[in-house]
PDB file of N, CA and C in Angstrom:
ATOM      1  N   MET A   1      67.963  79.475  83.214  1.00  0.00           N
ATOM      2  CA  MET A   1      69.057  79.566  84.804  1.00  0.00           C
ATOM      3  C   MET A   1      70.569  79.611  84.553  1.00  0.00           C
ATOM      4  N   TRP A   2      71.249  80.109  85.338  1.00  0.00           N
ATOM      5  CA  TRP A   2      72.593  80.202  85.505  1.00  0.00           C
ATOM      6  C   TRP A   2      72.813  80.163  86.915  1.00  0.00           C
ATOM      7  N   VAL A   3      73.913  80.030  87.634  1.00  0.00           N
ATOM      8  CA  VAL A   3      73.882  79.150  88.495  1.00  0.00           C
ATOM      9  C   VAL A   3      76.164  80.417  88.977  1.00  0.00           C
ATOM     10  N   LEU A   4      76.236  81.024  89.643  1.00  0.00           N
ATOM     11  CA  LEU A   4      77.172  81.367  89.765  1.00  0.00           C
ATOM     12  C   LEU A   4      78.056  80.900  91.191  1.00  0.00           C
ATOM     13  N   ILE A   5      79.074  79.612  90.995  1.00  0.00           N
ATOM     14  CA  ILE A   5      79.690  79.849  91.892  1.00  0.00           C
ATOM     15  C   ILE A   5      80.973  79.788  92.261  1.00  0.00           C
ATOM     16  N   TYR A   6      80.821  80.313  93.814  1.00  0.00           N
ATOM     17  CA  TYR A   6      81.743  80.857  94.051  1.00  0.00           C
ATOM     18  C   TYR A   6      83.055  80.454  95.635  1.00  0.00           C
ATOM     19  N   VAL A   7      84.570  80.137  95.286  1.00  0.00           N
ATOM     20  CA  VAL A   7      85.099  79.137  96.092  1.00  0.00           C
ATOM     21  C   VAL A   7      86.121  80.244  96.609  1.00  0.00           C
ATOM     22  N   PHE A   8      85.788  79.874  97.817  1.00  0.00           N
ATOM     23  CA  PHE A   8      87.214  80.505  98.469  1.00  0.00           C
ATOM     24  C   PHE A   8      87.935  80.388  99.429  1.00  0.00           C
ATOM     25  N   SER A   9      89.379  79.974  99.695  1.00  0.00           N
ATOM     26  CA  SER A   9      89.927  79.562 100.508  1.00  0.00           C
ATOM     27  C   SER A   9      90.967  80.183 100.797  1.00  0.00           C
ATOM     28  N   TYR A  10      91.694  80.247 102.780  1.00  0.00           N
ATOM     29  CA  TYR A  10      93.037  80.648 102.506  1.00  0.00           C
ATOM     30  C   TYR A  10      93.377  79.972 103.739  1.00  0.00           C
ATOM     31  N   SER A  11      94.824  79.640 103.765  1.00  0.00           N
ATOM     32  CA  SER A  11      95.552  78.931 104.870  1.00  0.00           C
ATOM     33  C   SER A  11      96.355  80.398 105.526  1.00  0.00           C
ATOM     34  N   ILE A  12      95.957  79.945 106.776  1.00  0.00           N
ATOM     35  CA  ILE A  12      97.593  81.410 107.424  1.00  0.00           C
ATOM     36  C   ILE A  12      98.722  80.247 108.607  1.00  0.00           C
ATOM     37  N   SER A  13      99.701  80.583 108.077  1.00  0.00           N
ATOM     38  CA  SER A  13     100.838  79.696 108.666  1.00  0.00           C
ATOM     39  C   SER A  13     100.753  80.590 110.176  1.00  0.00           C
ATOM     40  N   PRO A  14     100.654  79.065 111.094  1.00  0.00           N
ATOM     41  CA  PRO A  14     101.281  79.561 112.781  1.00  0.00           C
ATOM     42  C   PRO A  14     102.170  80.534 113.010  1.00  0.00           C
ATOM     43  N   ILE A  15     102.959  80.670 112.231  1.00  0.00           N
ATOM     44  CA  ILE A  15     103.908  82.303 112.493  1.00  0.00           C
ATOM     45  C   ILE A  15     103.316  83.043 112.706  1.00  0.00           C
ATOM     46  N   ALA A  16     102.253  83.035 111.482  1.00  0.00           N
ATOM     47  CA  ALA A  16     101.652  84.782 111.068  1.00  0.00           C
ATOM     48  C   ALA A  16     100.841  84.841 111.838  1.00  0.00           C
ATOM     49  N   THR A  17     100.210  84.135 112.971  1.00  0.00           N
ATOM     50  CA  THR A  17      99.107  84.024 114.055  1.00  0.00           C
ATOM     51  C   THR A  17      99.867  83.829 115.922  1.00  0.00           C
ATOM     52  N   ASN A  18      99.227  83.815 116.719  1.00  0.00           N
ATOM     53  CA  ASN A  18      99.414  83.954 117.711  1.00  0.00           C
ATOM     54  C   ASN A  18      99.141  82.695 117.984  1.00  0.00           C
ATOM     55  N   ASP A  19      98.359  81.393 117.276  1.00  0.00           N
ATOM     56  CA  ASP A  19      97.804  80.185 117.172  1.00  0.00           C
ATOM     57  C   ASP A  19      98.056  79.471 116.683  1.00  0.00           C
ATOM     58  N   LYS A  20      99.110  78.850 117.150  1.00  0.00           N
ATOM     59  CA  LYS A  20     100.147  77.764 116.788  1.00  0.00           C
ATOM     60  C   LYS A  20      99.523  76.527 116.199  1.00  0.00           C
ATOM     61  N   GLU A  21      98.216  76.409 116.027  1.00  0.00           N
ATOM     62  CA  GLU A  21      98.119  74.976 115.203  1.00  0.00           C
ATOM     63  C   GLU A  21      98.588  75.433 113.940  1.00  0.00           C
ATOM     64  N   GLU A  22      98.110  74.493 112.980  1.00  0.00           N
ATOM     65  CA  GLU A  22      98.779  73.718 111.797  1.00  0.00           C
ATOM     66  C   GLU A  22      98.260  75.189 110.463  1.00  0.00           C
ATOM     67  N   TRP A  23      98.167  74.752 109.318  1.00  0.00           N
ATOM     68  CA  TRP A  23      98.163  75.451 108.756  1.00  0.00           C
ATOM     69  C   TRP A  23      96.511  75.226 108.449  1.00  0.00           C
ATOM     70  N   ARG A  24      95.431  76.085 108.632  1.00  0.00           N
ATOM     71  CA  ARG A  24      94.281  75.939 107.979  1.00  0.00           C
ATOM     72  C   ARG A  24      93.543  75.975 107.095  1.00  0.00           C
ATOM     73  N   LEU A  25      93.059  75.363 106.498  1.00  0.00           N
ATOM     74  CA  LEU A  25      92.078  75.683 105.155  1.00  0.00           C
ATOM     75  C   LEU A  25      90.514  75.883 105.985  1.00  0.00           C
ATOM     76  N   ARG A  26      90.107  77.072 105.277  1.00  0.00           N
ATOM     77  CA  ARG A  26      88.818  77.937 105.194  1.00  0.00           C
ATOM     78  C   ARG A  26      87.952  78.308 104.279  1.00  0.00           C
ATOM     79  N   PRO A  27      87.320  77.076 103.374  1.00  0.00           N
ATOM     80  CA  PRO A  27      86.861  77.079 102.533  1.00  0.00           C
ATOM     81  C   PRO A  27      85.284  77.795 103.030  1.00  0.00           C
ATOM     82  N   SER A  28      85.002  78.913 101.553  1.00  0.00           N
ATOM     83  CA  SER A  28      83.995  79.176 101.608  1.00  0.00           C
ATOM     84  C   SER A  28      83.063  78.965 100.583  1.00  0.00           C
ATOM     85  N   VAL A  29      82.042  78.792 100.332  1.00  0.00           N
ATOM     86  CA  VAL A  29      81.330  78.659  99.095  1.00  0.00           C
ATOM     87  C   VAL A  29      80.058  79.107  99.119  1.00  0.00           C
ATOM     88  N   VAL A  30      79.603  79.854  98.145  1.00  0.00           N
ATOM     89  CA  VAL A  30      78.812  80.929  98.066  1.00  0.00           C
ATOM     90  C   VAL A  30      78.122  80.457  96.412  1.00  0.00           C
ATOM     91  N   PHE A  31      76.426  79.595  96.436  1.00  0.00           N
ATOM     92  CA  PHE A  31      75.942  79.910  95.277  1.00  0.00           C
ATOM     93  C   PHE A  31      74.870  81.255  95.226  1.00  0.00           C
ATOM     94  N   GLN A  32      74.423  81.673  93.647  1.00  0.00           N
ATOM     95  CA  GLN A  32      73.942  82.653  93.500  1.00  0.00           C
ATOM     96  C   GLN A  32      73.487  82.521  91.932  1.00  0.00           C
ATOM     97  N   GLU A  33      72.112  82.527  91.978  1.00  0.00           N
ATOM     98  CA  GLU A  33      71.454  82.151  90.905  1.00  0.00           C
ATOM     99  C   GLU A  33      70.453  83.481  90.204  1.00  0.00           C
ATOM    100  N   PHE A  34      71.671  83.296  88.283  1.00  0.00           N
ATOM    101  CA  PHE A  34      71.227  84.394  87.829  1.00  0.00           C
ATOM    102  C   PHE A  34      70.581  83.994  86.495  1.00  0.00           C
ATOM    103  N   THR A  35      69.053  84.910  86.160  1.00  0.00           N
ATOM    104  CA  THR A  35      68.274  84.186  84.362  1.00  0.00           C
ATOM    105  C   THR A  35      68.985  84.237  83.215  1.00  0.00           C
ATOM    106  N   THR A  36      70.344  84.953  82.927  1.00  0.00           N
ATOM    107  CA  THR A  36      70.804  84.837  81.907  1.00  0.00           C
ATOM    108  C   THR A  36      72.157  84.678  82.208  1.00  0.00           C
ATOM    109  N   GLU A  37      72.724  83.818  81.433  1.00  0.00           N
ATOM    110  CA  GLU A  37      74.167  83.516  80.953  1.00  0.00           C
ATOM    111  C   GLU A  37      75.047  85.118  80.841  1.00  0.00           C
ATOM    112  N   GLU A  38      74.944  86.350  81.144  1.00  0.00           N
ATOM    113  CA  GLU A  38      75.414  87.156  80.459  1.00  0.00           C
ATOM    114  C   GLU A  38      75.355  87.958  82.235  1.00  0.00           C
ATOM    115  N   ARG A  39      74.277  88.056  82.486  1.00  0.00           N
ATOM    116  CA  ARG A  39      74.587  88.652  84.063  1.00  0.00           C
ATOM    117  C   ARG A  39      75.513  87.423  84.972  1.00  0.00           C
ATOM    118  N   CYS A  40      75.213  86.689  84.798  1.00  0.00           N
ATOM    119  CA  CYS A  40      76.237  85.638  85.866  1.00  0.00           C
ATOM    120  C   CYS A  40      77.763  85.638  85.280  1.00  0.00           C
ATOM    121  N   LYS A  41      78.042  85.901  84.118  1.00  0.00           N
ATOM    122  CA  LYS A  41      79.396  86.239  83.293  1.00  0.00           C
ATOM    123  C   LYS A  41      79.767  87.640  83.864  1.00  0.00           C
ATOM    124  N   ALA A  42      78.912  88.977  83.987  1.00  0.00           N
ATOM    125  CA  ALA A  42      79.215  89.975  84.555  1.00  0.00           C
ATOM    126  C   ALA A  42      79.340  90.035  86.014  1.00  0.00           C
ATOM    127  N   ALA A  43      78.397  89.401  86.439  1.00  0.00           N
ATOM    128  CA  ALA A  43      78.669  88.735  88.093  1.00  0.00           C
ATOM    129  C   ALA A  43      80.178  88.460  88.756  1.00  0.00           C
ATOM    130  N   LYS A  44      80.432  87.308  87.934  1.00  0.00           N
ATOM    131  CA  LYS A  44      81.894  86.419  87.539  1.00  0.00           C
ATOM    132  C   LYS A  44      82.872  87.421  87.511  1.00  0.00           C
ATOM    133  N   ALA A  45      83.395  88.383  86.352  1.00  0.00           N
ATOM    134  CA  ALA A  45      83.819  89.471  86.202  1.00  0.00           C
ATOM    135  C   ALA A  45      84.170  90.117  87.438  1.00  0.00           C
ATOM    136  N   THR A  46      83.276  90.802  87.823  1.00  0.00           N
ATOM    137  CA  THR A  46      83.224  91.953  88.898  1.00  0.00           C
ATOM    138  C   THR A  46      83.677  90.976  90.167  1.00  0.00           C
ATOM    139  N   LEU A  47      83.497  90.025  90.766  1.00  0.00           N
ATOM    140  CA  LEU A  47      83.623  89.177  91.385  1.00  0.00           C
ATOM    141  C   LEU A  47      85.148  89.093  91.426  1.00  0.00           C
ATOM    142  N   GLU A  48      85.343  88.381  90.246  1.00  0.00           N
ATOM    143  CA  GLU A  48      86.868  88.141  90.011  1.00  0.00           C
ATOM    144  C   GLU A  48      88.049  89.449  90.279  1.00  0.00           C
ATOM    145  N   GLY A  49      87.382  90.235  89.824  1.00  0.00           N
ATOM    146  CA  GLY A  49      87.893  91.830  90.019  1.00  0.00           C
ATOM    147  C   GLY A  49      88.350  91.769  91.127  1.00  0.00           C
ATOM    148  N   SER A  50      87.714  92.066  91.888  1.00  0.00           N
ATOM    149  CA  SER A  50      87.464  92.717  93.476  1.00  0.00           C
ATOM    150  C   SER A  50      88.114  91.612  94.061  1.00  0.00           C
ATOM    151  N   LEU A  51      88.342  90.317  94.193  1.00  0.00           N
ATOM    152  CA  LEU A  51      89.677  89.386  94.899  1.00  0.00           C
ATOM    153  C   LEU A  51      90.736  89.228  93.999  1.00  0.00           C
ATOM    154  N   ARG A  52      90.617  89.639  92.393  1.00  0.00           N
ATOM    155  CA  ARG A  52      92.085  89.800  92.550  1.00  0.00           C
ATOM    156  C   ARG A  52      92.668  91.374  93.385  1.00  0.00           C
ATOM    157  N   ASP A  53      92.069  92.519  93.450  1.00  0.00           N
ATOM    158  CA  ASP A  53      92.687  93.514  94.168  1.00  0.00           C
ATOM    159  C   ASP A  53      92.612  93.514  95.431  1.00  0.00           C
ATOM    160  N   ALA A  54      91.376  92.230  95.876  1.00  0.00           N
ATOM    161  CA  ALA A  54      91.813  92.513  97.401  1.00  0.00           C
ATOM    162  C   ALA A  54      92.942  91.289  97.822  1.00  0.00           C
ATOM    163  N   GLY A  55      93.325  91.259  96.950  1.00  0.00           N
ATOM    164  CA  GLY A  55      94.902  90.139  96.935  1.00  0.00           C
ATOM    165  C   GLY A  55      95.812  90.783  97.379  1.00  0.00           C
ATOM    166  N   GLY A  56      95.995  91.511  96.591  1.00  0.00           N
ATOM    167  CA  GLY A  56      96.848  92.520  95.863  1.00  0.00           C
ATOM    168  C   GLY A  56      96.979  93.690  96.767  1.00  0.00           C
ATOM    169  N   LYS A  57      95.923  94.213  97.272  1.00  0.00           N
ATOM    170  CA  LYS A  57      96.329  95.271  98.358  1.00  0.00           C
ATOM    171  C   LYS A  57      97.097  94.377  99.893  1.00  0.00           C
ATOM    172  N   LEU A  58      96.028  92.886  99.868  1.00  0.00           N
ATOM    173  CA  LEU A  58      96.933  91.860 101.067  1.00  0.00           C
ATOM    174  C   LEU A  58      98.567  92.273 101.044  1.00  0.00           C
ATOM    175  N   ARG A  59      98.947  91.245  99.494  1.00  0.00           N
ATOM    176  CA  ARG A  59     100.285  91.077  99.879  1.00  0.00           C
ATOM    177  C   ARG A  59     101.147  92.331  99.930  1.00  0.00           C
ATOM    178  N   SER A  60     100.352  93.475  99.204  1.00  0.00           N
ATOM    179  CA  SER A  60     101.706  94.360  99.566  1.00  0.00           C
ATOM    180  C   SER A  60     101.645  94.955 100.818  1.00  0.00           C
ATOM    181  N   GLY A  61     100.421  94.466 101.346  1.00  0.00           N
ATOM    182  CA  GLY A  61     100.493  94.983 103.049  1.00  0.00           C
ATOM    183  C   GLY A  61     101.795  94.497 103.834  1.00  0.00           C
ATOM    184  N   LEU A  62     101.628  92.761 103.327  1.00  0.00           N
ATOM    185  CA  LEU A  62     102.219  91.697 104.025  1.00  0.00           C
ATOM    186  C   LEU A  62     103.536  92.112 103.423  1.00  0.00           C
ATOM    187  N   GLU A  63     104.310  92.555 102.115  1.00  0.00           N
ATOM    188  CA  GLU A  63     105.586  93.008 101.806  1.00  0.00           C
ATOM    189  C   GLU A  63     106.195  94.170 102.815  1.00  0.00           C
ATOM    190  N   GLU A  64     105.370  94.875 102.950  1.00  0.00           N
ATOM    191  CA  GLU A  64     105.843  96.186 103.805  1.00  0.00           C
ATOM    192  C   GLU A  64     106.030  95.564 105.422  1.00  0.00           C
ATOM    193  N   LEU A  65     105.465  94.953 105.604  1.00  0.00           N
ATOM    194  CA  LEU A  65     105.391  93.812 106.855  1.00  0.00           C
ATOM    195  C   LEU A  65     106.742  92.955 106.892  1.00  0.00           C
ATOM    196  N   LYS A  66     107.246  92.278 105.906  1.00  0.00           N
ATOM    197  CA  LYS A  66     108.365  91.713 105.655  1.00  0.00           C
ATOM    198  C   LYS A  66     109.785  92.436 106.217  1.00  0.00           C
ATOM    199  N   SER A  67     109.564  93.900 105.164  1.00  0.00           N
ATOM    200  CA  SER A  67     110.607  94.966 105.225  1.00  0.00           C
ATOM    201  C   SER A  67     111.140  95.715 106.535  1.00  0.00           C
ATOM    202  N   VAL A  68     110.388  95.201 107.439  1.00  0.00           N
ATOM    203  CA  VAL A  68     110.479  95.238 108.914  1.00  0.00           C
ATOM    204  C   VAL A  68     110.460  94.138 109.558  1.00  0.00           C
ATOM    205  N   GLY A  69     110.615  93.007 108.585  1.00  0.00           N
ATOM    206  CA  GLY A  69     110.861  92.006 110.149  1.00  0.00           C
ATOM    207  C   GLY A  69     109.600  91.053 110.457  1.00  0.00           C
ATOM    208  N   LYS A  70     108.233  91.664 110.211  1.00  0.00           N
ATOM    209  CA  LYS A  70     107.236  91.266 110.625  1.00  0.00           C
ATOM    210  C   LYS A  70     106.310  90.091 110.255  1.00  0.00           C
ATOM    211  N   ALA A  71     106.279  89.820 108.665  1.00  0.00           N
ATOM    212  CA  ALA A  71     105.548  89.142 108.393  1.00  0.00           C
ATOM    213  C   ALA A  71     105.904  88.561 106.779  1.00  0.00           C
ATOM    214  N   ASP A  72     105.456  87.541 106.115  1.00  0.00           N
ATOM    215  CA  ASP A  72     106.282  87.442 104.870  1.00  0.00           C
ATOM    216  C   ASP A  72     104.675  87.073 104.317  1.00  0.00           C
ATOM    217  N   PRO A  73     104.918  87.157 103.214  1.00  0.00           N
ATOM    218  CA  PRO A  73     103.476  86.660 102.131  1.00  0.00           C
ATOM    219  C   PRO A  73     103.481  85.675 102.083  1.00  0.00           C
ATOM    220  N   ALA A  74     104.314  84.629 102.002  1.00  0.00           N
ATOM    221  CA  ALA A  74     104.658  83.318 102.184  1.00  0.00           C
ATOM    222  C   ALA A  74     103.735  82.208 103.072  1.00  0.00           C
ATOM    223  N   GLN A  75     103.051  83.166 104.287  1.00  0.00           N
ATOM    224  CA  GLN A  75     102.993  82.723 105.431  1.00  0.00           C
ATOM    225  C   GLN A  75     100.699  82.754 105.377  1.00  0.00           C
ATOM    226  N   ILE A  76     100.614  83.221 104.395  1.00  0.00           N
ATOM    227  CA  ILE A  76      99.120  83.231 104.252  1.00  0.00           C
ATOM    228  C   ILE A  76      99.410  82.654 102.072  1.00  0.00           C
ATOM    229  N   ILE A  77      98.136  81.913 102.670  1.00  0.00           N
ATOM    230  CA  ILE A  77      98.069  81.680 100.831  1.00  0.00           C
ATOM    231  C   ILE A  77      96.534  81.213 100.939  1.00  0.00           C
ATOM    232  N   ILE A  78      96.101  82.335  99.460  1.00  0.00           N
ATOM    233  CA  ILE A  78      94.563  82.388  99.728  1.00  0.00           C
ATOM    234  C   ILE A  78      94.709  81.971  97.764  1.00  0.00           C
ATOM    235  N   ALA A  79      93.210  80.894  97.477  1.00  0.00           N
ATOM    236  CA  ALA A  79      92.796  80.679  96.446  1.00  0.00           C
ATOM    237  C   ALA A  79      91.473  80.949  96.441  1.00  0.00           C
ATOM    238  N   TYR A  80      91.039  81.137  95.163  1.00  0.00           N
ATOM    239  CA  TYR A  80      89.533  81.632  95.018  1.00  0.00           C
ATOM    240  C   TYR A  80      89.466  80.720  93.304  1.00  0.00           C
ATOM    241  N   ASN A  81      88.164  80.688  93.193  1.00  0.00           N
ATOM    242  CA  ASN A  81      87.598  79.984  92.126  1.00  0.00           C
ATOM    243  C   ASN A  81      85.823  80.470  92.004  1.00  0.00           C
ATOM    244  N   VAL A  82      86.113  80.704  90.927  1.00  0.00           N
ATOM    245  CA  VAL A  82      84.842  81.390  90.292  1.00  0.00           C
ATOM    246  C   VAL A  82      83.978  81.033  89.028  1.00  0.00           C
ATOM    247  N   GLU A  83      82.683  79.963  89.001  1.00  0.00           N
ATOM    248  CA  GLU A  83      82.208  79.879  88.355  1.00  0.00           C
ATOM    249  C   GLU A  83      80.667  79.622  87.338  1.00  0.00           C
ATOM    250  N   CYS A  84      80.933  79.960  86.196  1.00  0.00           N
ATOM    251  CA  CYS A  84      79.080  79.847  86.197  1.00  0.00           C
ATOM    252  C   CYS A  84      78.797  79.223  85.230  1.00  0.00           C
ATOM    253  N   LEU A  85      77.561  78.175  85.603  1.00  0.00           N
ATOM    254  CA  LEU A  85      77.433  76.809  85.410  1.00  0.00           C
ATOM    255  C   LEU A  85      75.932  77.305  84.908  1.00  0.00           C
ATOM    256  N   PRO A  86      75.519  76.446  84.132  1.00  0.00           N
ATOM    257  CA  PRO A  86      74.040  76.220  83.426  1.00  0.00           C
ATOM    258  C   PRO A  86      73.018  75.115  84.745  1.00  0.00           C
ATOM    259  N   LYS A  87      71.711  76.250  85.177  1.00  0.00           N
ATOM    260  CA  LYS A  87      71.546  75.086  86.229  1.00  0.00           C
ATOM    261  C   LYS A  87      70.545  74.139  85.481  1.00  0.00           C
TER     262      LYS A  87
END
């Protein structure tokens, strides 16, 4: 048995929102069991690709907003880690 562990977190600068709190870390942790290492690694590769694509789209959108003076990609930090581990 294999377990896919997926940790995703993000922080948003208070400048980027109407909420004037400090930078906030919003972690999410997901566990999914797989019967084989190959299935776990295939899911890992798919998930990492999706996260990479989503991050690229977000950064691109923020770059567009930066060009009109509305936002900056540095105002949002996104981090993720995806691992397959034997159970």
